[in-house]
N, C-alpha and C. Protein backbone atom coordinates (compact mmCIF):
# COMPACT_ATOMS: atom_id res chain seq x y z
N MET A 1 16.37 -9.02 -5.02
CA MET A 1 15.58 -8.11 -4.22
C MET A 1 14.40 -8.86 -3.60
N LYS A 2 14.14 -8.59 -2.36
CA LYS A 2 13.07 -9.28 -1.65
C LYS A 2 11.70 -8.78 -2.11
N ARG A 3 10.78 -9.71 -2.30
CA ARG A 3 9.42 -9.37 -2.73
C ARG A 3 8.71 -8.59 -1.62
N LEU A 4 8.08 -7.49 -2.01
CA LEU A 4 7.32 -6.68 -1.06
C LEU A 4 5.98 -7.35 -0.75
N VAL A 5 5.42 -7.01 0.37
CA VAL A 5 4.13 -7.56 0.78
C VAL A 5 3.13 -6.41 0.83
N LEU A 6 2.01 -6.61 0.19
CA LEU A 6 0.93 -5.62 0.21
C LEU A 6 0.01 -5.93 1.38
N GLU A 7 0.01 -5.05 2.36
CA GLU A 7 -0.84 -5.27 3.53
C GLU A 7 -2.30 -5.04 3.11
N ASN A 8 -3.22 -5.73 3.75
CA ASN A 8 -4.65 -5.65 3.42
C ASN A 8 -4.89 -5.94 1.94
N ARG A 9 -4.24 -6.95 1.45
CA ARG A 9 -4.27 -7.31 0.04
C ARG A 9 -5.69 -7.44 -0.51
N THR A 10 -6.54 -8.19 0.17
CA THR A 10 -7.89 -8.43 -0.35
C THR A 10 -8.72 -7.14 -0.36
N VAL A 11 -8.53 -6.30 0.64
CA VAL A 11 -9.25 -5.02 0.69
C VAL A 11 -8.83 -4.14 -0.49
N ILE A 12 -7.53 -4.07 -0.73
CA ILE A 12 -7.00 -3.25 -1.83
C ILE A 12 -7.50 -3.79 -3.17
N ILE A 13 -7.49 -5.09 -3.34
CA ILE A 13 -7.97 -5.70 -4.59
C ILE A 13 -9.44 -5.37 -4.81
N ASP A 14 -10.25 -5.50 -3.76
CA ASP A 14 -11.69 -5.18 -3.87
C ASP A 14 -11.91 -3.72 -4.22
N GLN A 15 -11.12 -2.81 -3.62
CA GLN A 15 -11.26 -1.39 -3.91
C GLN A 15 -10.91 -1.09 -5.37
N ILE A 16 -9.84 -1.70 -5.86
CA ILE A 16 -9.43 -1.47 -7.25
C ILE A 16 -10.50 -2.00 -8.21
N ARG A 17 -10.99 -3.21 -7.97
CA ARG A 17 -12.02 -3.78 -8.85
C ARG A 17 -13.29 -2.95 -8.82
N SER A 18 -13.66 -2.47 -7.64
CA SER A 18 -14.85 -1.63 -7.51
C SER A 18 -14.69 -0.35 -8.33
N TYR A 19 -13.52 0.26 -8.26
CA TYR A 19 -13.26 1.48 -9.02
C TYR A 19 -13.32 1.20 -10.52
N LEU A 20 -12.71 0.11 -10.95
CA LEU A 20 -12.70 -0.23 -12.36
C LEU A 20 -14.11 -0.49 -12.90
N GLU A 21 -14.99 -1.02 -12.07
CA GLU A 21 -16.35 -1.31 -12.50
C GLU A 21 -17.20 -0.05 -12.62
N LYS A 22 -16.93 0.96 -11.81
CA LYS A 22 -17.78 2.15 -11.75
C LYS A 22 -17.45 3.18 -12.81
N ASN A 23 -16.21 3.33 -13.16
CA ASN A 23 -15.76 4.39 -14.04
C ASN A 23 -15.58 3.85 -15.46
N SER A 24 -16.32 4.40 -16.43
CA SER A 24 -16.26 3.87 -17.79
C SER A 24 -14.88 4.07 -18.42
N GLU A 25 -14.20 5.17 -18.11
CA GLU A 25 -12.87 5.39 -18.66
C GLU A 25 -11.87 4.39 -18.08
N SER A 26 -12.02 4.07 -16.79
CA SER A 26 -11.10 3.09 -16.19
C SER A 26 -11.38 1.69 -16.72
N LYS A 27 -12.64 1.40 -17.06
CA LYS A 27 -12.96 0.11 -17.70
C LYS A 27 -12.21 -0.01 -19.03
N PHE A 28 -12.22 1.08 -19.78
CA PHE A 28 -11.55 1.11 -21.07
C PHE A 28 -10.04 0.88 -20.89
N ILE A 29 -9.45 1.58 -19.94
CA ILE A 29 -8.02 1.44 -19.68
C ILE A 29 -7.69 0.02 -19.19
N HIS A 30 -8.56 -0.54 -18.36
CA HIS A 30 -8.37 -1.92 -17.89
C HIS A 30 -8.36 -2.89 -19.09
N ARG A 31 -9.30 -2.72 -19.99
CA ARG A 31 -9.37 -3.59 -21.17
C ARG A 31 -8.11 -3.45 -22.02
N LEU A 32 -7.65 -2.19 -22.18
CA LEU A 32 -6.42 -1.97 -22.95
C LEU A 32 -5.23 -2.63 -22.28
N HIS A 33 -5.16 -2.54 -20.97
CA HIS A 33 -4.05 -3.14 -20.23
C HIS A 33 -4.03 -4.66 -20.43
N VAL A 34 -5.19 -5.28 -20.33
CA VAL A 34 -5.27 -6.74 -20.53
C VAL A 34 -4.84 -7.10 -21.95
N LEU A 35 -5.33 -6.35 -22.94
CA LEU A 35 -4.98 -6.65 -24.34
C LEU A 35 -3.51 -6.39 -24.61
N LEU A 36 -2.94 -5.37 -23.98
CA LEU A 36 -1.51 -5.10 -24.16
C LEU A 36 -0.68 -6.26 -23.63
N LEU A 37 -1.06 -6.76 -22.47
CA LEU A 37 -0.35 -7.91 -21.92
C LEU A 37 -0.53 -9.14 -22.81
N PHE A 38 -1.72 -9.32 -23.36
CA PHE A 38 -2.00 -10.45 -24.25
C PHE A 38 -1.14 -10.34 -25.52
N ALA A 39 -1.06 -9.13 -26.07
CA ALA A 39 -0.32 -8.92 -27.32
C ALA A 39 1.19 -9.00 -27.09
N ASP A 40 1.65 -8.55 -25.93
CA ASP A 40 3.08 -8.49 -25.64
C ASP A 40 3.69 -9.82 -25.21
N THR A 41 2.87 -10.69 -24.64
CA THR A 41 3.38 -11.94 -24.09
C THR A 41 2.74 -13.11 -24.81
N GLU A 42 3.53 -13.89 -25.50
CA GLU A 42 2.97 -14.98 -26.30
C GLU A 42 2.48 -16.17 -25.48
N ASN A 43 2.97 -16.32 -24.25
CA ASN A 43 2.56 -17.48 -23.47
C ASN A 43 1.34 -17.19 -22.58
N GLU A 44 0.75 -16.00 -22.69
CA GLU A 44 -0.46 -15.69 -21.92
C GLU A 44 -1.70 -16.06 -22.73
N SER A 45 -2.67 -16.64 -22.05
CA SER A 45 -3.93 -17.00 -22.69
C SER A 45 -5.05 -16.19 -22.04
N CYS A 46 -6.23 -16.28 -22.60
CA CYS A 46 -7.40 -15.62 -22.00
C CYS A 46 -7.64 -16.16 -20.59
N ASP A 47 -7.43 -17.45 -20.41
CA ASP A 47 -7.62 -18.06 -19.09
C ASP A 47 -6.63 -17.52 -18.07
N SER A 48 -5.34 -17.46 -18.45
CA SER A 48 -4.33 -16.99 -17.49
C SER A 48 -4.51 -15.50 -17.18
N LEU A 49 -4.86 -14.70 -18.20
CA LEU A 49 -5.10 -13.27 -17.95
C LEU A 49 -6.37 -13.06 -17.14
N GLY A 50 -7.36 -13.88 -17.39
CA GLY A 50 -8.60 -13.79 -16.61
C GLY A 50 -8.35 -14.07 -15.15
N ALA A 51 -7.53 -15.08 -14.87
CA ALA A 51 -7.18 -15.41 -13.48
C ALA A 51 -6.35 -14.30 -12.86
N LEU A 52 -5.45 -13.72 -13.63
CA LEU A 52 -4.58 -12.66 -13.13
C LEU A 52 -5.36 -11.39 -12.78
N PHE A 53 -6.29 -11.01 -13.66
CA PHE A 53 -7.02 -9.75 -13.49
C PHE A 53 -8.39 -9.92 -12.84
N GLY A 54 -8.80 -11.15 -12.61
CA GLY A 54 -10.12 -11.38 -12.03
C GLY A 54 -11.24 -11.05 -13.01
N THR A 55 -10.96 -11.31 -14.27
CA THR A 55 -11.91 -11.04 -15.35
C THR A 55 -12.26 -12.36 -16.03
N SER A 56 -13.45 -12.45 -16.52
CA SER A 56 -13.87 -13.66 -17.21
C SER A 56 -13.04 -13.86 -18.49
N PRO A 57 -12.52 -15.07 -18.70
CA PRO A 57 -11.79 -15.35 -19.95
C PRO A 57 -12.66 -15.09 -21.18
N ARG A 58 -13.96 -15.33 -21.05
CA ARG A 58 -14.88 -15.08 -22.16
C ARG A 58 -14.91 -13.59 -22.51
N SER A 59 -14.89 -12.73 -21.49
CA SER A 59 -14.87 -11.29 -21.74
C SER A 59 -13.61 -10.90 -22.49
N ILE A 60 -12.48 -11.42 -22.06
CA ILE A 60 -11.20 -11.11 -22.73
C ILE A 60 -11.23 -11.59 -24.17
N SER A 61 -11.76 -12.77 -24.38
CA SER A 61 -11.90 -13.30 -25.74
C SER A 61 -12.79 -12.38 -26.59
N ASN A 62 -13.89 -11.91 -26.00
CA ASN A 62 -14.79 -11.00 -26.72
C ASN A 62 -14.10 -9.68 -27.06
N TRP A 63 -13.27 -9.17 -26.13
CA TRP A 63 -12.54 -7.93 -26.41
C TRP A 63 -11.58 -8.11 -27.58
N ILE A 64 -10.90 -9.24 -27.60
CA ILE A 64 -9.94 -9.52 -28.69
C ILE A 64 -10.69 -9.59 -30.02
N LYS A 65 -11.82 -10.30 -30.04
CA LYS A 65 -12.61 -10.42 -31.27
C LYS A 65 -13.14 -9.06 -31.71
N LYS A 66 -13.55 -8.24 -30.75
CA LYS A 66 -14.09 -6.92 -31.06
C LYS A 66 -13.02 -6.03 -31.70
N VAL A 67 -11.80 -6.06 -31.13
CA VAL A 67 -10.70 -5.26 -31.68
C VAL A 67 -10.30 -5.78 -33.06
N ASN A 68 -10.25 -7.10 -33.22
CA ASN A 68 -9.91 -7.68 -34.52
C ASN A 68 -10.94 -7.29 -35.57
N LYS A 69 -12.21 -7.31 -35.21
CA LYS A 69 -13.27 -6.98 -36.16
C LYS A 69 -13.26 -5.50 -36.54
N ALA A 70 -13.14 -4.63 -35.53
CA ALA A 70 -13.18 -3.18 -35.78
C ALA A 70 -11.85 -2.65 -36.27
N GLY A 71 -10.76 -3.32 -35.89
CA GLY A 71 -9.45 -2.84 -36.26
C GLY A 71 -9.03 -1.60 -35.49
N ASP A 72 -9.71 -1.35 -34.37
CA ASP A 72 -9.45 -0.14 -33.60
C ASP A 72 -9.76 -0.39 -32.13
N ILE A 73 -8.95 0.16 -31.26
CA ILE A 73 -9.17 -0.05 -29.82
C ILE A 73 -10.38 0.72 -29.30
N GLU A 74 -10.85 1.72 -30.01
CA GLU A 74 -12.01 2.51 -29.56
C GLU A 74 -13.26 1.65 -29.41
N SER A 75 -13.27 0.50 -30.07
CA SER A 75 -14.42 -0.40 -29.96
C SER A 75 -14.56 -0.97 -28.55
N LEU A 76 -13.51 -0.82 -27.72
CA LEU A 76 -13.55 -1.34 -26.36
C LEU A 76 -14.19 -0.37 -25.37
N ARG A 77 -14.49 0.84 -25.82
CA ARG A 77 -15.13 1.80 -24.92
C ARG A 77 -16.56 1.35 -24.61
N SER A 78 -17.00 1.61 -23.39
CA SER A 78 -18.36 1.28 -22.99
C SER A 78 -19.34 2.21 -23.70
N LYS A 79 -20.42 1.66 -24.15
CA LYS A 79 -21.46 2.45 -24.81
C LYS A 79 -22.51 2.85 -23.76
N PRO A 80 -23.11 4.02 -23.90
CA PRO A 80 -24.16 4.39 -22.93
C PRO A 80 -25.33 3.43 -23.00
N GLN A 81 -25.87 3.09 -21.86
CA GLN A 81 -27.00 2.17 -21.81
C GLN A 81 -28.26 2.96 -21.47
N SER A 82 -29.28 2.76 -22.26
CA SER A 82 -30.48 3.58 -22.13
C SER A 82 -31.34 3.19 -20.93
N GLY A 83 -31.31 1.96 -20.54
CA GLY A 83 -32.15 1.53 -19.43
C GLY A 83 -33.58 1.28 -19.88
N ARG A 84 -34.42 1.02 -18.91
CA ARG A 84 -35.82 0.72 -19.20
C ARG A 84 -36.54 1.98 -19.68
N PRO A 85 -37.35 1.87 -20.74
CA PRO A 85 -38.08 3.04 -21.22
C PRO A 85 -39.14 3.49 -20.21
N SER A 86 -39.39 4.78 -20.18
CA SER A 86 -40.37 5.35 -19.27
C SER A 86 -41.77 4.87 -19.64
N ARG A 87 -42.60 4.67 -18.63
CA ARG A 87 -43.99 4.27 -18.89
C ARG A 87 -44.84 5.48 -19.24
N LEU A 88 -44.36 6.67 -18.92
CA LEU A 88 -45.06 7.90 -19.26
C LEU A 88 -44.42 8.53 -20.49
N THR A 89 -45.25 9.04 -21.39
CA THR A 89 -44.72 9.75 -22.56
C THR A 89 -44.26 11.14 -22.13
N GLN A 90 -43.50 11.79 -23.00
CA GLN A 90 -43.06 13.15 -22.69
C GLN A 90 -44.26 14.09 -22.57
N LYS A 91 -45.26 13.88 -23.39
CA LYS A 91 -46.47 14.71 -23.33
C LYS A 91 -47.15 14.55 -21.96
N GLN A 92 -47.25 13.32 -21.48
CA GLN A 92 -47.85 13.07 -20.17
C GLN A 92 -47.03 13.72 -19.06
N LYS A 93 -45.70 13.66 -19.17
CA LYS A 93 -44.85 14.30 -18.17
C LYS A 93 -45.04 15.81 -18.16
N ASP A 94 -45.19 16.40 -19.36
CA ASP A 94 -45.44 17.84 -19.44
C ASP A 94 -46.78 18.20 -18.81
N GLU A 95 -47.79 17.37 -19.05
CA GLU A 95 -49.11 17.60 -18.44
C GLU A 95 -49.01 17.49 -16.91
N ILE A 96 -48.27 16.50 -16.44
CA ILE A 96 -48.11 16.31 -14.99
C ILE A 96 -47.40 17.52 -14.38
N ARG A 97 -46.41 18.06 -15.08
CA ARG A 97 -45.71 19.25 -14.58
C ARG A 97 -46.72 20.39 -14.38
N ASP A 98 -47.63 20.57 -15.34
CA ASP A 98 -48.65 21.61 -15.21
C ASP A 98 -49.63 21.31 -14.08
N VAL A 99 -50.01 20.04 -13.94
CA VAL A 99 -50.94 19.63 -12.88
C VAL A 99 -50.34 19.90 -11.51
N LEU A 100 -49.05 19.67 -11.37
CA LEU A 100 -48.39 19.84 -10.07
C LEU A 100 -48.31 21.31 -9.65
N LYS A 101 -48.65 22.22 -10.56
CA LYS A 101 -48.69 23.64 -10.21
C LYS A 101 -50.03 24.02 -9.59
N GLN A 102 -50.95 23.07 -9.58
CA GLN A 102 -52.28 23.30 -9.02
C GLN A 102 -52.43 22.50 -7.72
N LEU A 103 -53.47 22.82 -6.98
CA LEU A 103 -53.77 22.06 -5.77
C LEU A 103 -54.26 20.66 -6.14
N PRO A 104 -53.89 19.64 -5.37
CA PRO A 104 -54.38 18.28 -5.65
C PRO A 104 -55.91 18.20 -5.60
N GLU A 105 -56.52 19.01 -4.75
CA GLU A 105 -57.99 18.98 -4.61
C GLU A 105 -58.70 19.31 -5.92
N LYS A 106 -58.08 20.12 -6.76
CA LYS A 106 -58.67 20.49 -8.05
C LYS A 106 -58.90 19.27 -8.93
N TYR A 107 -58.12 18.21 -8.69
CA TYR A 107 -58.21 16.99 -9.49
C TYR A 107 -58.85 15.84 -8.72
N GLY A 108 -59.53 16.19 -7.63
CA GLY A 108 -60.23 15.18 -6.84
C GLY A 108 -59.33 14.33 -5.96
N ILE A 109 -58.15 14.84 -5.67
CA ILE A 109 -57.19 14.12 -4.84
C ILE A 109 -57.15 14.81 -3.47
N ASP A 110 -57.28 14.02 -2.40
CA ASP A 110 -57.22 14.58 -1.06
C ASP A 110 -55.81 15.09 -0.77
N GLY A 111 -55.74 16.22 -0.11
CA GLY A 111 -54.45 16.77 0.31
C GLY A 111 -54.27 18.19 -0.14
N LYS A 112 -53.48 18.91 0.60
CA LYS A 112 -53.20 20.31 0.31
C LYS A 112 -51.91 20.48 -0.49
N GLN A 113 -51.14 19.40 -0.57
CA GLN A 113 -49.84 19.46 -1.25
C GLN A 113 -49.60 18.13 -1.96
N TRP A 114 -48.91 18.20 -3.09
CA TRP A 114 -48.59 16.99 -3.83
C TRP A 114 -47.50 16.20 -3.12
N ASN A 115 -47.61 14.88 -3.16
CA ASN A 115 -46.57 13.98 -2.66
C ASN A 115 -46.59 12.72 -3.53
N GLY A 116 -45.70 11.79 -3.25
CA GLY A 116 -45.61 10.58 -4.07
C GLY A 116 -46.89 9.77 -4.07
N LYS A 117 -47.54 9.71 -2.92
CA LYS A 117 -48.74 8.89 -2.81
C LYS A 117 -49.90 9.47 -3.64
N ASN A 118 -50.16 10.78 -3.49
CA ASN A 118 -51.29 11.31 -4.25
C ASN A 118 -50.96 11.51 -5.73
N LEU A 119 -49.68 11.67 -6.08
CA LEU A 119 -49.31 11.72 -7.50
C LEU A 119 -49.52 10.34 -8.14
N SER A 120 -49.18 9.28 -7.41
CA SER A 120 -49.41 7.92 -7.90
C SER A 120 -50.89 7.69 -8.18
N LEU A 121 -51.73 8.15 -7.26
CA LEU A 121 -53.17 8.01 -7.42
C LEU A 121 -53.66 8.80 -8.64
N PHE A 122 -53.18 10.03 -8.79
CA PHE A 122 -53.56 10.86 -9.94
C PHE A 122 -53.19 10.19 -11.26
N ILE A 123 -51.95 9.68 -11.35
CA ILE A 123 -51.48 9.07 -12.60
C ILE A 123 -52.30 7.82 -12.93
N SER A 124 -52.63 7.04 -11.92
CA SER A 124 -53.43 5.84 -12.19
C SER A 124 -54.84 6.21 -12.64
N GLN A 125 -55.42 7.27 -12.05
CA GLN A 125 -56.77 7.68 -12.46
C GLN A 125 -56.77 8.32 -13.84
N ARG A 126 -55.79 9.18 -14.13
CA ARG A 126 -55.78 9.94 -15.37
C ARG A 126 -55.30 9.10 -16.55
N TYR A 127 -54.21 8.33 -16.35
CA TYR A 127 -53.57 7.64 -17.48
C TYR A 127 -53.70 6.12 -17.43
N GLY A 128 -54.21 5.58 -16.32
CA GLY A 128 -54.32 4.14 -16.19
C GLY A 128 -52.97 3.45 -16.04
N ILE A 129 -51.98 4.19 -15.55
CA ILE A 129 -50.62 3.65 -15.37
C ILE A 129 -50.34 3.59 -13.88
N MET A 130 -49.95 2.40 -13.41
CA MET A 130 -49.65 2.24 -12.00
C MET A 130 -48.17 2.51 -11.76
N LEU A 131 -47.89 3.56 -10.99
CA LEU A 131 -46.53 3.87 -10.59
C LEU A 131 -46.46 3.80 -9.07
N LYS A 132 -45.41 3.20 -8.57
CA LYS A 132 -45.22 3.13 -7.13
C LYS A 132 -44.85 4.51 -6.59
N ILE A 133 -45.01 4.67 -5.29
CA ILE A 133 -44.74 5.96 -4.66
C ILE A 133 -43.30 6.40 -4.93
N ARG A 134 -42.35 5.48 -4.83
CA ARG A 134 -40.95 5.83 -5.05
C ARG A 134 -40.71 6.31 -6.48
N SER A 135 -41.40 5.70 -7.44
CA SER A 135 -41.27 6.13 -8.84
C SER A 135 -41.81 7.54 -9.01
N CYS A 136 -42.87 7.86 -8.30
CA CYS A 136 -43.44 9.21 -8.36
C CYS A 136 -42.49 10.21 -7.71
N GLN A 137 -41.82 9.80 -6.67
CA GLN A 137 -40.83 10.69 -6.04
C GLN A 137 -39.68 10.96 -7.00
N ARG A 138 -39.27 9.95 -7.75
CA ARG A 138 -38.23 10.15 -8.77
C ARG A 138 -38.72 11.09 -9.86
N LEU A 139 -40.00 10.97 -10.19
CA LEU A 139 -40.60 11.83 -11.21
C LEU A 139 -40.56 13.30 -10.75
N PHE A 140 -40.85 13.56 -9.48
CA PHE A 140 -40.72 14.91 -8.94
C PHE A 140 -39.30 15.43 -9.21
N HIS A 141 -38.32 14.58 -8.93
CA HIS A 141 -36.92 14.98 -9.11
C HIS A 141 -36.62 15.24 -10.59
N LYS A 142 -37.09 14.37 -11.48
CA LYS A 142 -36.84 14.56 -12.92
C LYS A 142 -37.49 15.82 -13.44
N LEU A 143 -38.67 16.14 -12.90
CA LEU A 143 -39.38 17.34 -13.33
C LEU A 143 -38.87 18.59 -12.61
N GLU A 144 -37.87 18.40 -11.75
CA GLU A 144 -37.26 19.47 -10.97
C GLU A 144 -38.30 20.19 -10.12
N ILE A 145 -39.15 19.40 -9.49
CA ILE A 145 -40.17 19.93 -8.57
C ILE A 145 -39.90 19.34 -7.20
N ASN A 146 -39.80 20.22 -6.21
CA ASN A 146 -39.58 19.77 -4.84
C ASN A 146 -40.90 19.85 -4.09
N PRO A 147 -41.55 18.71 -3.83
CA PRO A 147 -42.85 18.75 -3.17
C PRO A 147 -42.78 19.24 -1.73
N ASP A 148 -41.59 19.24 -1.14
CA ASP A 148 -41.44 19.70 0.25
C ASP A 148 -41.19 21.19 0.35
N GLU A 149 -40.95 21.84 -0.80
CA GLU A 149 -40.70 23.27 -0.80
C GLU A 149 -41.98 24.01 -0.43
N PRO A 150 -41.93 24.93 0.53
CA PRO A 150 -43.15 25.63 0.93
C PRO A 150 -43.69 26.49 -0.21
N LEU A 151 -44.97 26.37 -0.46
CA LEU A 151 -45.63 27.14 -1.51
C LEU A 151 -46.79 27.92 -0.91
N LEU A 152 -47.00 29.12 -1.42
CA LEU A 152 -48.16 29.91 -1.03
C LEU A 152 -49.09 29.97 -2.22
N TYR A 153 -50.35 29.73 -2.00
CA TYR A 153 -51.33 29.80 -3.07
C TYR A 153 -51.90 31.20 -3.06
N ASP A 154 -52.03 31.83 -4.23
CA ASP A 154 -52.50 33.21 -4.20
C ASP A 154 -53.93 33.27 -3.66
N GLY A 155 -54.27 34.38 -3.07
CA GLY A 155 -55.51 34.49 -2.30
C GLY A 155 -56.74 34.83 -3.12
N TYR A 156 -56.62 34.92 -4.42
CA TYR A 156 -57.79 35.28 -5.21
C TYR A 156 -58.76 34.12 -5.28
N LYS A 157 -60.04 34.43 -5.08
CA LYS A 157 -61.08 33.41 -5.05
C LYS A 157 -61.16 32.70 -6.40
N GLY A 158 -61.22 31.39 -6.36
CA GLY A 158 -61.38 30.59 -7.58
C GLY A 158 -60.08 30.36 -8.31
N SER A 159 -59.00 30.92 -7.84
CA SER A 159 -57.72 30.73 -8.52
C SER A 159 -56.90 29.69 -7.76
N ALA A 160 -56.28 28.82 -8.49
CA ALA A 160 -55.47 27.79 -7.84
C ALA A 160 -54.03 27.85 -8.26
N SER A 161 -53.60 28.99 -8.86
CA SER A 161 -52.22 29.06 -9.29
C SER A 161 -51.31 29.25 -8.08
N ILE A 162 -50.08 28.86 -8.21
CA ILE A 162 -49.15 28.86 -7.10
C ILE A 162 -48.18 30.04 -7.22
N VAL A 163 -47.99 30.69 -6.12
CA VAL A 163 -46.99 31.74 -6.04
C VAL A 163 -45.82 31.19 -5.25
N PRO A 164 -44.59 31.20 -5.80
CA PRO A 164 -43.46 30.65 -5.06
C PRO A 164 -43.26 31.35 -3.72
N TYR A 165 -42.87 30.58 -2.74
CA TYR A 165 -42.62 31.09 -1.39
C TYR A 165 -41.43 32.03 -1.41
N GLN A 166 -41.58 33.17 -0.74
CA GLN A 166 -40.48 34.15 -0.72
C GLN A 166 -40.01 34.39 0.69
C-alpha cells in the first residue's frame, strides 16, 4: 500500500503539540502513549521516542522513573501549580473591597470613580505595597468589581455609600 502524505505537515504537527501542551488531560494521555510504546517495543529508547514525539528524552526518562517509583500511572497526571503568592493578604483584599464601595475622594485620592491608577496609589499609600496599574485591574476582576459599571451615589449629605445603577 502506498504511503499517504499529510498536507501541511508542519502546521498539523504544531497544532497537535500546542493542544497537548494546553490541556492537562491530553498531557496525561500523551505521556501514557509514550510509555505504552516504550513498554511494548523493546528496541525503542528514550532518545528515539523523544525524537518521534518531539519530547525531551529526559522528560521520558523522568516519567518512567516516576511510574516505577509510584507503581501507578496516576503519578503522570499534572499537578495544579499555585503560581506566585499574592502580595496582598486576604484581609487587605477584603478591606479594599469595602474601600471600593466608597468614593476615592474619601481616601484622599483624586477622581470620582475608582480605576487601576488610583487604586494603585491607594494601595501604596495604605499598605506600602507597589502594584502596577494592570495588577490593580486584575484585582478588580478578582474582587468581581467592574470599575466601568455606572454607579449612582445616594444623595444624602455626608453619605458616600453607593447605590447600584438601575
